N, C-alpha and C. Protein backbone atom coordinates (compact mmCIF):
# COMPACT_ATOMS: atom_id res chain seq x y z
N UNK A 1 -42.26 2.85 20.31
CA UNK A 1 -41.43 3.70 19.46
C UNK A 1 -40.79 2.84 18.37
N UNK A 2 -40.73 3.34 17.17
CA UNK A 2 -40.19 2.59 16.04
C UNK A 2 -38.68 2.73 15.89
N UNK A 3 -38.19 1.95 14.97
CA UNK A 3 -36.75 1.98 14.65
C UNK A 3 -36.46 3.16 13.73
N UNK A 4 -35.30 3.73 13.89
CA UNK A 4 -34.83 4.87 13.10
C UNK A 4 -33.48 4.52 12.51
N UNK A 5 -33.25 4.96 11.27
CA UNK A 5 -31.95 4.81 10.62
C UNK A 5 -31.19 6.12 10.71
N UNK A 6 -29.92 6.02 11.06
CA UNK A 6 -29.05 7.18 11.19
C UNK A 6 -27.82 6.93 10.32
N UNK A 7 -27.45 7.92 9.49
CA UNK A 7 -26.34 7.77 8.55
C UNK A 7 -25.30 8.85 8.75
N UNK A 8 -24.04 8.46 8.65
CA UNK A 8 -22.92 9.42 8.66
C UNK A 8 -22.05 9.15 7.44
N UNK A 9 -21.57 10.23 6.85
CA UNK A 9 -20.71 10.14 5.66
C UNK A 9 -19.27 10.41 6.06
N UNK A 10 -18.36 9.66 5.41
CA UNK A 10 -16.92 9.79 5.64
C UNK A 10 -16.24 9.85 4.28
N UNK A 11 -14.98 10.28 4.26
CA UNK A 11 -14.22 10.27 3.01
C UNK A 11 -12.75 9.97 3.30
N UNK A 12 -12.11 9.35 2.31
CA UNK A 12 -10.68 9.08 2.42
C UNK A 12 -10.10 8.90 1.02
N UNK A 13 -8.80 9.10 0.92
CA UNK A 13 -8.07 8.94 -0.35
C UNK A 13 -7.26 7.65 -0.25
N UNK A 14 -7.37 6.81 -1.26
CA UNK A 14 -6.66 5.54 -1.22
C UNK A 14 -6.27 5.12 -2.62
N UNK A 15 -5.12 4.47 -2.73
CA UNK A 15 -4.67 3.91 -4.00
C UNK A 15 -4.75 2.39 -3.92
N UNK A 16 -4.94 1.78 -5.06
CA UNK A 16 -4.93 0.32 -5.11
C UNK A 16 -4.59 -0.11 -6.53
N UNK A 17 -4.41 -1.40 -6.70
CA UNK A 17 -4.22 -2.00 -8.01
C UNK A 17 -4.87 -3.37 -7.94
N UNK A 18 -5.41 -3.81 -9.06
CA UNK A 18 -6.08 -5.11 -9.10
C UNK A 18 -5.17 -6.11 -9.81
N UNK A 19 -4.61 -7.00 -9.00
CA UNK A 19 -3.67 -7.99 -9.50
C UNK A 19 -4.33 -8.89 -10.53
N UNK A 20 -3.61 -9.13 -11.64
CA UNK A 20 -4.04 -10.04 -12.69
C UNK A 20 -5.32 -9.60 -13.40
N UNK A 21 -5.70 -8.35 -13.25
CA UNK A 21 -6.92 -7.82 -13.88
C UNK A 21 -6.66 -7.58 -15.36
N UNK A 22 -7.68 -7.69 -16.18
CA UNK A 22 -7.51 -7.55 -17.63
C UNK A 22 -7.85 -6.16 -18.15
N UNK A 23 -7.71 -5.15 -17.32
CA UNK A 23 -7.99 -3.78 -17.73
C UNK A 23 -7.03 -2.80 -17.07
N UNK A 24 -7.31 -1.53 -17.24
CA UNK A 24 -6.43 -0.47 -16.75
C UNK A 24 -6.25 -0.48 -15.23
N UNK A 25 -7.22 -1.01 -14.50
CA UNK A 25 -7.13 -1.02 -13.04
C UNK A 25 -6.08 -1.97 -12.49
N UNK A 26 -5.38 -2.69 -13.36
CA UNK A 26 -4.26 -3.52 -12.89
C UNK A 26 -3.08 -2.64 -12.50
N UNK A 27 -3.10 -1.38 -12.92
CA UNK A 27 -2.06 -0.42 -12.58
C UNK A 27 -2.44 0.32 -11.30
N UNK A 28 -1.43 0.74 -10.54
CA UNK A 28 -1.69 1.50 -9.33
C UNK A 28 -2.39 2.81 -9.71
N UNK A 29 -3.49 3.07 -9.02
CA UNK A 29 -4.27 4.29 -9.25
C UNK A 29 -5.02 4.62 -7.96
N UNK A 30 -5.50 5.83 -7.85
CA UNK A 30 -6.16 6.25 -6.62
C UNK A 30 -7.59 6.69 -6.82
N UNK A 31 -8.31 6.72 -5.70
CA UNK A 31 -9.70 7.16 -5.69
C UNK A 31 -9.94 8.06 -4.49
N UNK A 32 -10.93 8.92 -4.63
CA UNK A 32 -11.46 9.69 -3.50
C UNK A 32 -12.72 8.97 -3.06
N UNK A 33 -12.58 8.11 -2.06
CA UNK A 33 -13.69 7.29 -1.60
C UNK A 33 -14.63 8.09 -0.71
N UNK A 34 -15.92 7.79 -0.84
CA UNK A 34 -16.94 8.32 0.07
C UNK A 34 -17.65 7.11 0.67
N UNK A 35 -17.77 7.12 1.99
CA UNK A 35 -18.33 6.01 2.73
C UNK A 35 -19.55 6.49 3.51
N UNK A 36 -20.66 5.79 3.36
CA UNK A 36 -21.89 6.10 4.08
C UNK A 36 -22.23 4.91 4.98
N UNK A 37 -22.31 5.16 6.28
CA UNK A 37 -22.61 4.11 7.25
C UNK A 37 -23.96 4.42 7.88
N UNK A 38 -24.90 3.46 7.76
CA UNK A 38 -26.24 3.63 8.31
C UNK A 38 -26.49 2.58 9.37
N UNK A 39 -26.84 3.05 10.55
CA UNK A 39 -27.20 2.14 11.64
C UNK A 39 -28.69 2.28 11.92
N UNK A 40 -29.24 1.27 12.58
CA UNK A 40 -30.66 1.28 12.89
C UNK A 40 -30.84 0.94 14.36
N UNK A 41 -31.76 1.68 15.01
CA UNK A 41 -32.03 1.41 16.41
C UNK A 41 -33.22 2.22 16.88
N UNK A 42 -33.52 2.06 18.14
CA UNK A 42 -34.62 2.79 18.76
C UNK A 42 -34.05 3.96 19.54
N UNK A 43 -34.59 5.16 19.35
CA UNK A 43 -34.09 6.30 20.12
C UNK A 43 -34.24 6.06 21.63
N UNK A 44 -33.28 6.56 22.39
CA UNK A 44 -33.30 6.45 23.84
C UNK A 44 -34.56 7.15 24.36
N UNK A 45 -35.32 6.44 25.19
CA UNK A 45 -36.60 6.98 25.66
C UNK A 45 -36.56 7.51 27.09
N UNK A 46 -35.44 7.32 27.76
CA UNK A 46 -35.30 7.77 29.14
C UNK A 46 -34.94 9.25 29.18
N UNK A 47 -35.85 10.11 29.70
CA UNK A 47 -35.55 11.56 29.74
C UNK A 47 -34.34 11.91 30.61
N UNK A 48 -33.93 11.01 31.48
CA UNK A 48 -32.77 11.26 32.34
C UNK A 48 -31.45 10.93 31.65
N UNK A 49 -31.52 10.20 30.55
CA UNK A 49 -30.32 9.81 29.79
C UNK A 49 -29.85 11.00 28.96
N UNK A 50 -28.55 11.32 28.99
CA UNK A 50 -28.07 12.46 28.19
C UNK A 50 -28.24 12.24 26.68
N UNK A 51 -28.45 11.01 26.25
CA UNK A 51 -28.66 10.71 24.83
C UNK A 51 -30.15 10.57 24.51
N UNK A 52 -31.01 11.10 25.37
CA UNK A 52 -32.46 11.05 25.21
C UNK A 52 -32.86 11.52 23.80
N UNK A 53 -33.62 10.67 23.12
CA UNK A 53 -34.09 11.00 21.77
C UNK A 53 -33.14 10.60 20.65
N UNK A 54 -31.97 10.06 20.98
CA UNK A 54 -30.98 9.69 19.96
C UNK A 54 -30.90 8.17 19.80
N UNK A 55 -30.65 7.73 18.58
CA UNK A 55 -30.31 6.33 18.34
C UNK A 55 -28.85 6.14 18.73
N UNK A 56 -28.02 7.03 18.26
CA UNK A 56 -26.59 7.08 18.60
C UNK A 56 -26.10 8.47 18.26
N UNK A 57 -25.35 9.06 19.13
CA UNK A 57 -24.78 10.39 18.87
C UNK A 57 -23.90 10.29 17.62
N UNK A 58 -24.05 11.22 16.69
CA UNK A 58 -23.24 11.21 15.46
C UNK A 58 -21.75 11.21 15.79
N UNK A 59 -21.39 11.87 16.89
CA UNK A 59 -19.98 11.88 17.32
C UNK A 59 -19.51 10.46 17.64
N UNK A 60 -20.37 9.68 18.28
CA UNK A 60 -20.01 8.30 18.63
C UNK A 60 -19.93 7.42 17.39
N UNK A 61 -20.79 7.66 16.43
CA UNK A 61 -20.71 6.92 15.17
C UNK A 61 -19.39 7.25 14.46
N UNK A 62 -19.01 8.51 14.50
CA UNK A 62 -17.74 8.92 13.90
C UNK A 62 -16.57 8.19 14.56
N UNK A 63 -16.60 8.08 15.88
CA UNK A 63 -15.52 7.39 16.60
C UNK A 63 -15.45 5.91 16.22
N UNK A 64 -16.60 5.30 15.95
CA UNK A 64 -16.63 3.88 15.58
C UNK A 64 -15.97 3.62 14.23
N UNK A 65 -16.02 4.61 13.34
CA UNK A 65 -15.59 4.41 11.96
C UNK A 65 -14.26 5.08 11.64
N UNK A 66 -14.00 6.22 12.22
CA UNK A 66 -12.85 7.03 11.81
C UNK A 66 -11.50 6.32 11.95
N UNK A 67 -11.16 5.89 13.15
CA UNK A 67 -9.83 5.32 13.35
C UNK A 67 -9.63 3.97 12.66
N UNK A 68 -10.54 2.99 12.87
CA UNK A 68 -10.27 1.67 12.29
C UNK A 68 -10.46 1.59 10.78
N UNK A 69 -11.15 2.55 10.19
CA UNK A 69 -11.40 2.47 8.75
C UNK A 69 -10.83 3.69 8.01
N UNK A 70 -11.36 4.86 8.30
CA UNK A 70 -10.96 6.06 7.56
C UNK A 70 -9.48 6.37 7.77
N UNK A 71 -9.05 6.46 9.01
CA UNK A 71 -7.64 6.79 9.27
C UNK A 71 -6.71 5.68 8.76
N UNK A 72 -7.15 4.44 8.87
CA UNK A 72 -6.35 3.32 8.40
C UNK A 72 -6.13 3.39 6.89
N UNK A 73 -7.20 3.58 6.12
CA UNK A 73 -7.10 3.56 4.66
C UNK A 73 -6.62 4.87 4.05
N UNK A 74 -6.81 5.99 4.73
CA UNK A 74 -6.50 7.29 4.13
C UNK A 74 -5.03 7.39 3.74
N UNK A 75 -4.79 7.77 2.51
CA UNK A 75 -3.45 7.92 1.95
C UNK A 75 -2.62 6.64 2.04
N UNK A 76 -3.26 5.53 1.73
CA UNK A 76 -2.56 4.26 1.73
C UNK A 76 -2.60 3.65 0.33
N UNK A 77 -1.80 2.61 0.17
CA UNK A 77 -1.80 1.78 -1.04
C UNK A 77 -2.22 0.39 -0.61
N UNK A 78 -3.27 -0.15 -1.23
CA UNK A 78 -3.81 -1.44 -0.85
C UNK A 78 -3.67 -2.40 -2.03
N UNK A 79 -3.08 -3.56 -1.74
CA UNK A 79 -2.81 -4.55 -2.78
C UNK A 79 -3.17 -5.95 -2.31
N UNK A 80 -3.37 -6.84 -3.25
CA UNK A 80 -3.60 -8.25 -2.97
C UNK A 80 -2.27 -8.90 -2.61
N UNK A 81 -2.23 -9.64 -1.54
CA UNK A 81 -0.96 -10.23 -1.06
C UNK A 81 -0.35 -11.21 -2.06
N UNK A 82 -1.15 -11.81 -2.92
CA UNK A 82 -0.63 -12.74 -3.91
C UNK A 82 0.26 -12.07 -4.94
N UNK A 83 0.22 -10.75 -5.00
CA UNK A 83 1.03 -10.01 -5.97
C UNK A 83 2.42 -9.67 -5.42
N UNK A 84 2.73 -10.09 -4.21
CA UNK A 84 3.98 -9.71 -3.57
C UNK A 84 5.19 -10.19 -4.37
N UNK A 85 6.14 -9.31 -4.50
CA UNK A 85 7.39 -9.59 -5.19
C UNK A 85 8.45 -8.65 -4.67
N UNK A 86 9.60 -8.63 -5.32
CA UNK A 86 10.71 -7.79 -4.86
C UNK A 86 10.34 -6.31 -4.88
N UNK A 87 9.66 -5.87 -5.95
CA UNK A 87 9.27 -4.46 -6.05
C UNK A 87 8.31 -4.08 -4.94
N UNK A 88 7.37 -4.97 -4.65
CA UNK A 88 6.41 -4.71 -3.59
C UNK A 88 7.10 -4.63 -2.24
N UNK A 89 8.06 -5.46 -2.00
CA UNK A 89 8.83 -5.41 -0.75
C UNK A 89 9.55 -4.07 -0.63
N UNK A 90 10.07 -3.57 -1.75
CA UNK A 90 10.73 -2.25 -1.73
C UNK A 90 9.72 -1.15 -1.41
N UNK A 91 8.55 -1.23 -2.00
CA UNK A 91 7.50 -0.24 -1.71
C UNK A 91 7.17 -0.23 -0.22
N UNK A 92 7.02 -1.41 0.34
CA UNK A 92 6.66 -1.52 1.75
C UNK A 92 7.76 -0.98 2.66
N UNK A 93 9.02 -1.07 2.23
CA UNK A 93 10.11 -0.54 3.05
C UNK A 93 10.24 0.98 2.88
N UNK A 94 9.77 1.51 1.76
CA UNK A 94 9.89 2.94 1.49
C UNK A 94 8.72 3.76 2.03
N UNK A 95 7.55 3.14 2.14
CA UNK A 95 6.35 3.89 2.53
C UNK A 95 5.65 3.21 3.69
N UNK A 96 5.05 4.03 4.56
CA UNK A 96 4.41 3.52 5.76
C UNK A 96 3.13 2.74 5.50
N UNK A 97 2.30 3.24 4.63
CA UNK A 97 0.94 2.72 4.52
C UNK A 97 0.73 1.91 3.24
N UNK A 98 1.47 0.84 3.12
CA UNK A 98 1.26 -0.12 2.03
C UNK A 98 0.70 -1.37 2.70
N UNK A 99 -0.56 -1.71 2.39
CA UNK A 99 -1.23 -2.82 3.04
C UNK A 99 -1.50 -3.94 2.06
N UNK A 100 -1.22 -5.16 2.50
CA UNK A 100 -1.51 -6.35 1.71
C UNK A 100 -2.66 -7.09 2.35
N UNK A 101 -3.63 -7.48 1.54
CA UNK A 101 -4.79 -8.21 2.05
C UNK A 101 -4.91 -9.55 1.34
N UNK A 102 -5.63 -10.46 1.95
CA UNK A 102 -5.84 -11.77 1.36
C UNK A 102 -7.03 -11.77 0.39
N UNK A 103 -7.44 -10.58 -0.04
CA UNK A 103 -8.50 -10.44 -1.03
C UNK A 103 -8.10 -9.38 -2.05
N UNK A 104 -8.67 -9.48 -3.23
CA UNK A 104 -8.48 -8.47 -4.28
C UNK A 104 -9.14 -7.18 -3.80
N UNK A 105 -8.44 -6.04 -3.79
CA UNK A 105 -9.00 -4.82 -3.21
C UNK A 105 -9.99 -4.08 -4.14
N UNK A 106 -11.02 -4.80 -4.53
CA UNK A 106 -12.10 -4.19 -5.31
C UNK A 106 -13.01 -3.42 -4.37
N UNK A 107 -13.85 -2.59 -4.91
CA UNK A 107 -14.83 -1.87 -4.11
C UNK A 107 -15.69 -2.85 -3.32
N UNK A 108 -16.09 -3.94 -3.96
CA UNK A 108 -16.95 -4.94 -3.32
C UNK A 108 -16.27 -5.59 -2.12
N UNK A 109 -15.02 -6.01 -2.29
CA UNK A 109 -14.30 -6.66 -1.19
C UNK A 109 -13.93 -5.69 -0.08
N UNK A 110 -13.59 -4.45 -0.44
CA UNK A 110 -13.33 -3.45 0.59
C UNK A 110 -14.59 -3.19 1.41
N UNK A 111 -15.72 -3.19 0.75
CA UNK A 111 -17.01 -2.99 1.42
C UNK A 111 -17.25 -4.09 2.47
N UNK A 112 -17.01 -5.34 2.09
CA UNK A 112 -17.20 -6.45 3.04
C UNK A 112 -16.23 -6.35 4.22
N UNK A 113 -15.00 -5.93 3.95
CA UNK A 113 -14.01 -5.73 5.01
C UNK A 113 -14.50 -4.64 5.99
N UNK A 114 -15.00 -3.54 5.43
CA UNK A 114 -15.48 -2.42 6.25
C UNK A 114 -16.69 -2.85 7.09
N UNK A 115 -17.60 -3.60 6.51
CA UNK A 115 -18.77 -4.09 7.25
C UNK A 115 -18.31 -4.92 8.45
N UNK A 116 -17.38 -5.82 8.25
CA UNK A 116 -16.88 -6.65 9.36
C UNK A 116 -16.25 -5.80 10.46
N UNK A 117 -15.48 -4.78 10.07
CA UNK A 117 -14.84 -3.90 11.05
C UNK A 117 -15.88 -3.16 11.87
N UNK A 118 -16.87 -2.58 11.20
CA UNK A 118 -17.90 -1.81 11.91
C UNK A 118 -18.66 -2.71 12.88
N UNK A 119 -19.01 -3.91 12.44
CA UNK A 119 -19.75 -4.84 13.30
C UNK A 119 -18.97 -5.14 14.58
N UNK A 120 -17.65 -5.17 14.51
CA UNK A 120 -16.83 -5.44 15.70
C UNK A 120 -16.93 -4.33 16.74
N UNK A 121 -17.22 -3.11 16.31
CA UNK A 121 -17.23 -1.96 17.21
C UNK A 121 -18.63 -1.46 17.56
N UNK A 122 -19.65 -1.94 16.89
CA UNK A 122 -21.01 -1.44 17.07
C UNK A 122 -21.62 -2.02 18.36
N UNK A 123 -22.21 -1.16 19.19
CA UNK A 123 -22.89 -1.67 20.40
C UNK A 123 -23.98 -2.67 20.03
N UNK A 124 -24.18 -3.67 20.88
CA UNK A 124 -25.14 -4.75 20.57
C UNK A 124 -26.58 -4.25 20.48
N UNK A 125 -26.87 -3.08 21.03
CA UNK A 125 -28.24 -2.54 20.98
C UNK A 125 -28.57 -1.95 19.60
N UNK A 126 -27.56 -1.84 18.74
CA UNK A 126 -27.76 -1.24 17.42
C UNK A 126 -27.51 -2.26 16.32
N UNK A 127 -28.11 -2.02 15.18
CA UNK A 127 -27.96 -2.89 14.01
C UNK A 127 -27.30 -2.11 12.88
N UNK A 128 -26.35 -2.73 12.22
CA UNK A 128 -25.78 -2.13 11.02
C UNK A 128 -26.78 -2.36 9.90
N UNK A 129 -27.34 -1.28 9.39
CA UNK A 129 -28.38 -1.40 8.35
C UNK A 129 -27.77 -1.47 6.95
N UNK A 130 -26.86 -0.53 6.64
CA UNK A 130 -26.26 -0.53 5.30
C UNK A 130 -24.94 0.23 5.32
N UNK A 131 -24.10 -0.12 4.35
CA UNK A 131 -22.84 0.58 4.14
C UNK A 131 -22.71 0.75 2.63
N UNK A 132 -22.43 1.98 2.24
CA UNK A 132 -22.28 2.30 0.82
C UNK A 132 -20.89 2.90 0.63
N UNK A 133 -20.14 2.39 -0.35
CA UNK A 133 -18.79 2.87 -0.61
C UNK A 133 -18.69 3.34 -2.05
N UNK A 134 -18.54 4.65 -2.22
CA UNK A 134 -18.34 5.24 -3.55
C UNK A 134 -16.86 5.18 -3.87
N UNK A 135 -16.54 4.58 -5.01
CA UNK A 135 -15.16 4.54 -5.48
C UNK A 135 -14.90 5.75 -6.38
N UNK A 136 -15.90 6.15 -7.13
CA UNK A 136 -15.84 7.37 -7.93
C UNK A 136 -17.14 8.13 -7.66
N UNK A 137 -17.29 9.29 -8.26
CA UNK A 137 -18.49 10.10 -8.04
C UNK A 137 -19.75 9.40 -8.53
N UNK A 138 -19.60 8.46 -9.46
CA UNK A 138 -20.78 7.83 -10.05
C UNK A 138 -20.83 6.31 -9.88
N UNK A 139 -19.89 5.74 -9.15
CA UNK A 139 -19.83 4.28 -9.00
C UNK A 139 -19.65 3.90 -7.54
N UNK A 140 -20.52 3.00 -7.08
CA UNK A 140 -20.42 2.57 -5.69
C UNK A 140 -20.91 1.14 -5.52
N UNK A 141 -20.52 0.56 -4.39
CA UNK A 141 -21.03 -0.73 -3.96
C UNK A 141 -21.81 -0.51 -2.68
N UNK A 142 -22.79 -1.37 -2.44
CA UNK A 142 -23.60 -1.21 -1.23
C UNK A 142 -23.89 -2.56 -0.60
N UNK A 143 -23.73 -2.61 0.72
CA UNK A 143 -24.08 -3.78 1.51
C UNK A 143 -25.30 -3.39 2.33
N UNK A 144 -26.30 -4.27 2.39
CA UNK A 144 -27.51 -3.99 3.16
C UNK A 144 -27.86 -5.21 3.99
N UNK A 145 -28.19 -4.98 5.26
CA UNK A 145 -28.51 -6.09 6.17
C UNK A 145 -29.71 -6.89 5.68
N UNK A 146 -30.67 -6.23 5.03
CA UNK A 146 -31.86 -6.92 4.53
C UNK A 146 -31.50 -8.02 3.53
N UNK A 147 -30.40 -7.86 2.84
CA UNK A 147 -29.96 -8.85 1.85
C UNK A 147 -29.12 -9.96 2.47
N UNK A 148 -28.80 -9.85 3.74
CA UNK A 148 -27.86 -10.77 4.37
C UNK A 148 -28.41 -11.46 5.61
N UNK A 149 -29.68 -11.75 5.62
CA UNK A 149 -30.29 -12.46 6.76
C UNK A 149 -30.31 -13.93 6.51
């Protein structure tokens, strides 16, 4: 039996700003992100297994991604920690979901963060094939395992 790719789509709303950037994105602004997670594996071949014929139940894929990524980022403000100052400290005390990271929160860097998170939760029998993160309806970044061997 061959390998099959299975994809689930997620969405979340998030604001960010790009510290020291030379364009409009240096200001706090938000996006409606769309996230596509594709895993690869062999469908279960045991007829006695309740997951017979599945690579992974879509419900289980949702559980792997929803809490650590979607719920975490949804309705949050994400900033580079190097930008911290008095105003940022006030923001963090006023709002629950202001996150500081040791990387610039570009689509590309968020994608790498998401890939690492998913890999931590993915069963060893499955392979993360690709992750695509749309920042706008027409702009996205994509990570693919084929490019990272």
